[in-house]
Amino acid sequence: MSLNDKIFLPELYTYKDYEQWKGNWELINGYPISKSPSPKRKHQFFSSKFNWYFRNLLVSKNLQCNCEVYSELDWIINDDTVVRPDAMIVCGKFETDFLTFPPALILEITSPTSRMRDRNSKFILYEMSGVKFYIIADPDKQTTELFELISNKYTEVNTTNLKLTDNCTLEIELNKIW
């Protein structure tokens, strides 16, 4: 390591630091990532439609899933990684104001500023953390990509059945969300 590396090496942070920050942040491997400014209109519109669609599926089918849809909820993966996915489906009981275990499904709505992070660091992070389904939506192209964790690796799938838990399978039509 040269002197320049020591001078310009960014400081690493933990969840304790994160708790004190104002604004909209994520923390990945100790590196802070600003999520400001707020998402654009197309992004927010798709997010609300996604939430409505999946909440409606969970309620209208009278499924005994014990799953809920959340927007912008902190998921504390470990002491130096906290993410706030655009939306997620969480199965199982938790009583804190944040999540400490992997959700069953995560939705990230890509934008020009988040595209590389959603497709690279978050893709790998969610895969390594055991998130069963990962959806990347592009509001500009009106496309969705669905990835399923199979043998600990994400594989893009074209399915209409999402088995969130042993007792909960949702029949979906992602193209209806657009």
C-alpha atoms as a PDB file:
ATOM      1  CA  MET A   1       0.000   0.000   0.000  1.00  0.00           C
ATOM      2  CA  SER A   2       1.468   3.346  -0.993  1.00  0.00           C
ATOM      3  CA  LEU A   3       1.179   6.578   0.955  1.00  0.00           C
ATOM      4  CA  ASN A   4      -1.516   7.735  -1.521  1.00  0.00           C
ATOM      5  CA  ASP A   5      -3.586   4.647  -0.723  1.00  0.00           C
ATOM      6  CA  LYS A   6      -3.390   5.474   2.975  1.00  0.00           C
ATOM      7  CA  ILE A   7      -4.363   9.084   2.433  1.00  0.00           C
ATOM      8  CA  PHE A   8      -7.278   8.400   0.096  1.00  0.00           C
ATOM      9  CA  LEU A   9      -8.572   5.157   1.536  1.00  0.00           C
ATOM     10  CA  PRO A  10     -12.265   5.757   2.332  1.00  0.00           C
ATOM     11  CA  GLU A  11     -13.423   5.315   5.902  1.00  0.00           C
ATOM     12  CA  LEU A  12     -15.551   2.265   6.634  1.00  0.00           C
ATOM     13  CA  TYR A  13     -18.717   2.527   8.712  1.00  0.00           C
ATOM     14  CA  THR A  14     -20.948   0.223  10.768  1.00  0.00           C
ATOM     15  CA  TYR A  15     -24.635   0.012  11.591  1.00  0.00           C
ATOM     16  CA  LYS A  16     -24.045   2.160  14.691  1.00  0.00           C
ATOM     17  CA  ASP A  17     -22.807   4.960  12.416  1.00  0.00           C
ATOM     18  CA  TYR A  18     -25.679   4.372   9.989  1.00  0.00           C
ATOM     19  CA  GLU A  19     -28.254   4.846  12.760  1.00  0.00           C
ATOM     20  CA  GLN A  20     -27.032   8.415  13.265  1.00  0.00           C
ATOM     21  CA  TRP A  21     -27.168   9.552   9.639  1.00  0.00           C
ATOM     22  CA  LYS A  22     -29.828  11.904   8.339  1.00  0.00           C
ATOM     23  CA  GLY A  23     -31.249  11.349   4.888  1.00  0.00           C
ATOM     24  CA  ASN A  24     -31.695   8.257   2.790  1.00  0.00           C
ATOM     25  CA  TRP A  25     -28.711   5.866   2.882  1.00  0.00           C
ATOM     26  CA  GLU A  26     -27.619   2.297   2.468  1.00  0.00           C
ATOM     27  CA  LEU A  27     -24.423   0.723   3.792  1.00  0.00           C
ATOM     28  CA  ILE A  28     -22.702  -2.023   1.803  1.00  0.00           C
ATOM     29  CA  ASN A  29     -19.575  -3.636   3.246  1.00  0.00           C
ATOM     30  CA  GLY A  30     -18.955  -0.522   5.312  1.00  0.00           C
ATOM     31  CA  TYR A  31     -19.288   1.923   2.409  1.00  0.00           C
ATOM     32  CA  PRO A  32     -22.119   4.491   2.563  1.00  0.00           C
ATOM     33  CA  ILE A  33     -24.322   4.893  -0.502  1.00  0.00           C
ATOM     34  CA  SER A  34     -26.653   7.868  -0.803  1.00  0.00           C
ATOM     35  CA  LYS A  35     -30.152   7.134  -2.081  1.00  0.00           C
ATOM     36  CA  SER A  36     -31.084  10.789  -2.490  1.00  0.00           C
ATOM     37  CA  PRO A  37     -32.829  12.440  -4.214  1.00  0.00           C
ATOM     38  CA  SER A  38     -36.153  10.638  -4.085  1.00  0.00           C
ATOM     39  CA  PRO A  39     -37.034   8.231  -6.902  1.00  0.00           C
ATOM     40  CA  LYS A  40     -38.586   9.596 -10.088  1.00  0.00           C
ATOM     41  CA  ARG A  41     -42.300   9.424 -10.895  1.00  0.00           C
ATOM     42  CA  LYS A  42     -42.106   6.244 -13.060  1.00  0.00           C
ATOM     43  CA  HIS A  43     -40.131   4.520 -10.330  1.00  0.00           C
ATOM     44  CA  GLN A  44     -42.631   5.424  -7.616  1.00  0.00           C
ATOM     45  CA  PHE A  45     -45.602   4.537  -9.814  1.00  0.00           C
ATOM     46  CA  PHE A  46     -44.252   1.052 -10.537  1.00  0.00           C
ATOM     47  CA  SER A  47     -43.344   0.536  -6.884  1.00  0.00           C
ATOM     48  CA  SER A  48     -46.872   1.322  -5.735  1.00  0.00           C
ATOM     49  CA  LYS A  49     -48.362  -0.942  -8.422  1.00  0.00           C
ATOM     50  CA  PHE A  50     -46.011  -3.775  -7.396  1.00  0.00           C
ATOM     51  CA  ASN A  51     -46.966  -3.382  -3.736  1.00  0.00           C
ATOM     52  CA  TRP A  52     -50.675  -3.268  -4.541  1.00  0.00           C
ATOM     53  CA  TYR A  53     -50.433  -6.293  -6.871  1.00  0.00           C
ATOM     54  CA  PHE A  54     -48.603  -8.514  -4.383  1.00  0.00           C
ATOM     55  CA  ARG A  55     -50.626  -7.392  -1.350  1.00  0.00           C
ATOM     56  CA  ASN A  56     -53.789  -8.134  -3.315  1.00  0.00           C
ATOM     57  CA  LEU A  57     -52.495 -11.612  -4.203  1.00  0.00           C
ATOM     58  CA  LEU A  58     -51.621 -12.381  -0.597  1.00  0.00           C
ATOM     59  CA  VAL A  59     -55.023 -11.206   0.682  1.00  0.00           C
ATOM     60  CA  SER A  60     -57.464 -12.130  -2.093  1.00  0.00           C
ATOM     61  CA  LYS A  61     -56.404 -15.732  -2.435  1.00  0.00           C
ATOM     62  CA  ASN A  62     -56.898 -16.250   1.304  1.00  0.00           C
ATOM     63  CA  LEU A  63     -53.479 -17.843   1.468  1.00  0.00           C
ATOM     64  CA  GLN A  64     -51.999 -18.846   4.799  1.00  0.00           C
ATOM     65  CA  CYS A  65     -48.633 -17.421   3.857  1.00  0.00           C
ATOM     66  CA  ASN A  66     -47.683 -15.319   6.853  1.00  0.00           C
ATOM     67  CA  CYS A  67     -46.023 -12.990   4.327  1.00  0.00           C
ATOM     68  CA  GLU A  68     -46.231  -9.209   3.971  1.00  0.00           C
ATOM     69  CA  VAL A  69     -45.115  -6.664   1.389  1.00  0.00           C
ATOM     70  CA  TYR A  70     -42.891  -3.812   2.570  1.00  0.00           C
ATOM     71  CA  SER A  71     -41.486  -0.736   0.863  1.00  0.00           C
ATOM     72  CA  GLU A  72     -38.220   0.909   1.785  1.00  0.00           C
ATOM     73  CA  LEU A  73     -37.673  -1.199   4.915  1.00  0.00           C
ATOM     74  CA  ASP A  74     -34.116  -1.451   6.243  1.00  0.00           C
ATOM     75  CA  TRP A  75     -32.638  -4.933   6.090  1.00  0.00           C
ATOM     76  CA  ILE A  76     -29.647  -5.221   8.401  1.00  0.00           C
ATOM     77  CA  ILE A  77     -27.609  -8.001   6.836  1.00  0.00           C
ATOM     78  CA  ASN A  78     -24.676  -7.615   9.216  1.00  0.00           C
ATOM     79  CA  ASP A  79     -22.861  -4.909  11.150  1.00  0.00           C
ATOM     80  CA  ASP A  80     -21.463  -3.236   8.024  1.00  0.00           C
ATOM     81  CA  THR A  81     -24.244  -3.863   5.494  1.00  0.00           C
ATOM     82  CA  VAL A  82     -27.721  -2.316   5.590  1.00  0.00           C
ATOM     83  CA  VAL A  83     -29.850  -2.093   2.448  1.00  0.00           C
ATOM     84  CA  ARG A  84     -33.242  -0.594   1.763  1.00  0.00           C
ATOM     85  CA  PRO A  85     -34.755  -2.394  -1.243  1.00  0.00           C
ATOM     86  CA  ASP A  86     -37.514  -0.657  -3.176  1.00  0.00           C
ATOM     87  CA  ALA A  87     -39.898  -3.414  -2.097  1.00  0.00           C
ATOM     88  CA  MET A  88     -39.729  -6.859  -0.573  1.00  0.00           C
ATOM     89  CA  ILE A  89     -41.905  -9.711   0.553  1.00  0.00           C
ATOM     90  CA  VAL A  90     -41.073 -10.902   4.036  1.00  0.00           C
ATOM     91  CA  CYS A  91     -42.354 -14.241   5.280  1.00  0.00           C
ATOM     92  CA  GLY A  92     -42.336 -15.117   8.944  1.00  0.00           C
ATOM     93  CA  LYS A  93     -42.722 -13.128  12.098  1.00  0.00           C
ATOM     94  CA  PHE A  94     -40.599 -10.205  13.180  1.00  0.00           C
ATOM     95  CA  GLU A  95     -41.378  -7.385  15.561  1.00  0.00           C
ATOM     96  CA  THR A  96     -38.572  -4.888  15.004  1.00  0.00           C
ATOM     97  CA  ASP A  97     -38.773  -1.836  12.755  1.00  0.00           C
ATOM     98  CA  PHE A  98     -36.191  -3.392  10.452  1.00  0.00           C
ATOM     99  CA  LEU A  99     -35.441  -6.812   9.042  1.00  0.00           C
ATOM    100  CA  THR A 100     -32.569  -9.001  10.252  1.00  0.00           C
ATOM    101  CA  PHE A 101     -33.132 -12.095   8.081  1.00  0.00           C
ATOM    102  CA  PRO A 102     -33.446 -12.522   4.306  1.00  0.00           C
ATOM    103  CA  PRO A 103     -36.803 -11.659   2.734  1.00  0.00           C
ATOM    104  CA  ALA A 104     -38.361 -14.167   0.348  1.00  0.00           C
ATOM    105  CA  LEU A 105     -38.398 -11.681  -2.534  1.00  0.00           C
ATOM    106  CA  ILE A 106     -36.740  -8.359  -3.306  1.00  0.00           C
ATOM    107  CA  LEU A 107     -37.688  -5.854  -5.976  1.00  0.00           C
ATOM    108  CA  GLU A 108     -35.192  -3.255  -7.134  1.00  0.00           C
ATOM    109  CA  ILE A 109     -36.429  -0.673  -9.612  1.00  0.00           C
ATOM    110  CA  THR A 110     -33.454   0.317 -11.662  1.00  0.00           C
ATOM    111  CA  SER A 111     -32.552   3.850 -12.645  1.00  0.00           C
ATOM    112  CA  PRO A 112     -29.556   5.325 -14.462  1.00  0.00           C
ATOM    113  CA  THR A 113     -27.852   5.929 -11.103  1.00  0.00           C
ATOM    114  CA  SER A 114     -28.658   2.526  -9.573  1.00  0.00           C
ATOM    115  CA  ARG A 115     -28.486   0.209 -12.622  1.00  0.00           C
ATOM    116  CA  MET A 116     -24.917  -1.021 -12.090  1.00  0.00           C
ATOM    117  CA  ARG A 117     -25.369  -1.451  -8.332  1.00  0.00           C
ATOM    118  CA  ASP A 118     -28.682  -3.341  -8.768  1.00  0.00           C
ATOM    119  CA  ARG A 119     -27.144  -5.683 -11.362  1.00  0.00           C
ATOM    120  CA  ASN A 120     -23.794  -6.200  -9.681  1.00  0.00           C
ATOM    121  CA  SER A 121     -23.205  -5.554  -5.984  1.00  0.00           C
ATOM    122  CA  LYS A 122     -26.842  -5.982  -4.898  1.00  0.00           C
ATOM    123  CA  PHE A 123     -27.317  -8.995  -7.177  1.00  0.00           C
ATOM    124  CA  ILE A 124     -24.328 -10.716  -5.545  1.00  0.00           C
ATOM    125  CA  LEU A 125     -25.246  -9.517  -2.056  1.00  0.00           C
ATOM    126  CA  TYR A 126     -28.831 -10.823  -2.298  1.00  0.00           C
ATOM    127  CA  GLU A 127     -27.650 -14.078  -3.849  1.00  0.00           C
ATOM    128  CA  MET A 128     -25.054 -14.642  -1.090  1.00  0.00           C
ATOM    129  CA  SER A 129     -27.588 -13.699   1.611  1.00  0.00           C
ATOM    130  CA  GLY A 130     -30.145 -16.283   0.470  1.00  0.00           C
ATOM    131  CA  VAL A 131     -32.932 -14.115  -0.994  1.00  0.00           C
ATOM    132  CA  LYS A 132     -35.036 -16.669  -2.877  1.00  0.00           C
ATOM    133  CA  PHE A 133     -36.378 -14.335  -5.595  1.00  0.00           C
ATOM    134  CA  TYR A 134     -34.926 -11.119  -6.994  1.00  0.00           C
ATOM    135  CA  ILE A 135     -36.821  -8.933  -9.457  1.00  0.00           C
ATOM    136  CA  ILE A 136     -35.100  -6.152 -11.361  1.00  0.00           C
ATOM    137  CA  ALA A 137     -37.610  -3.793 -12.979  1.00  0.00           C
ATOM    138  CA  ASP A 138     -36.805  -1.124 -15.539  1.00  0.00           C
ATOM    139  CA  PRO A 139     -39.565   1.503 -15.708  1.00  0.00           C
ATOM    140  CA  ASP A 140     -38.109   3.148 -18.822  1.00  0.00           C
ATOM    141  CA  LYS A 141     -38.227  -0.107 -20.808  1.00  0.00           C
ATOM    142  CA  GLN A 142     -41.212  -1.509 -18.857  1.00  0.00           C
ATOM    143  CA  THR A 143     -39.433  -4.812 -18.324  1.00  0.00           C
ATOM    144  CA  THR A 144     -38.959  -7.115 -15.366  1.00  0.00           C
ATOM    145  CA  GLU A 145     -36.346  -9.800 -14.884  1.00  0.00           C
ATOM    146  CA  LEU A 146     -37.070 -12.516 -12.352  1.00  0.00           C
ATOM    147  CA  PHE A 147     -34.210 -14.439 -10.770  1.00  0.00           C
ATOM    148  CA  GLU A 148     -34.616 -17.482  -8.552  1.00  0.00           C
ATOM    149  CA  LEU A 149     -31.985 -18.796  -6.160  1.00  0.00           C
ATOM    150  CA  ILE A 150     -31.243 -22.307  -7.385  1.00  0.00           C
ATOM    151  CA  SER A 151     -28.304 -24.193  -5.853  1.00  0.00           C
ATOM    152  CA  ASN A 152     -27.137 -20.922  -4.227  1.00  0.00           C
ATOM    153  CA  LYS A 153     -26.932 -19.101  -7.588  1.00  0.00           C
ATOM    154  CA  TYR A 154     -29.410 -16.780  -9.258  1.00  0.00           C
ATOM    155  CA  THR A 155     -30.903 -18.100 -12.462  1.00  0.00           C
ATOM    156  CA  GLU A 156     -33.226 -16.017 -14.598  1.00  0.00           C
ATOM    157  CA  VAL A 157     -36.564 -17.809 -14.730  1.00  0.00           C
ATOM    158  CA  ASN A 158     -39.787 -17.384 -16.643  1.00  0.00           C
ATOM    159  CA  THR A 159     -42.328 -18.759 -14.207  1.00  0.00           C
ATOM    160  CA  THR A 160     -45.781 -17.823 -13.034  1.00  0.00           C
ATOM    161  CA  ASN A 161     -45.439 -19.624  -9.691  1.00  0.00           C
ATOM    162  CA  LEU A 162     -43.371 -18.205  -6.869  1.00  0.00           C
ATOM    163  CA  LYS A 163     -42.957 -20.650  -4.007  1.00  0.00           C
ATOM    164  CA  LEU A 164     -42.158 -18.189  -1.214  1.00  0.00           C
ATOM    165  CA  THR A 165     -42.355 -20.801   1.579  1.00  0.00           C
ATOM    166  CA  ASP A 166     -43.382 -24.441   1.853  1.00  0.00           C
ATOM    167  CA  ASN A 167     -46.973 -23.263   2.506  1.00  0.00           C
ATOM    168  CA  CYS A 168     -47.098 -20.264   0.198  1.00  0.00           C
ATOM    169  CA  THR A 169     -47.020 -20.249  -3.590  1.00  0.00           C
ATOM    170  CA  LEU A 170     -48.180 -17.199  -5.520  1.00  0.00           C
ATOM    171  CA  GLU A 171     -49.427 -17.371  -9.094  1.00  0.00           C
ATOM    172  CA  ILE A 172     -48.164 -14.196 -10.717  1.00  0.00           C
ATOM    173  CA  GLU A 173     -48.256 -12.357 -14.023  1.00  0.00           C
ATOM    174  CA  LEU A 174     -45.495  -9.762 -13.817  1.00  0.00           C
ATOM    175  CA  ASN A 175     -46.523  -8.156 -17.104  1.00  0.00           C
ATOM    176  CA  LYS A 176     -49.837  -7.162 -15.487  1.00  0.00           C
ATOM    177  CA  ILE A 177     -48.013  -4.797 -13.140  1.00  0.00           C
ATOM    178  CA  TRP A 178     -47.058  -2.494 -16.008  1.00  0.00           C
END
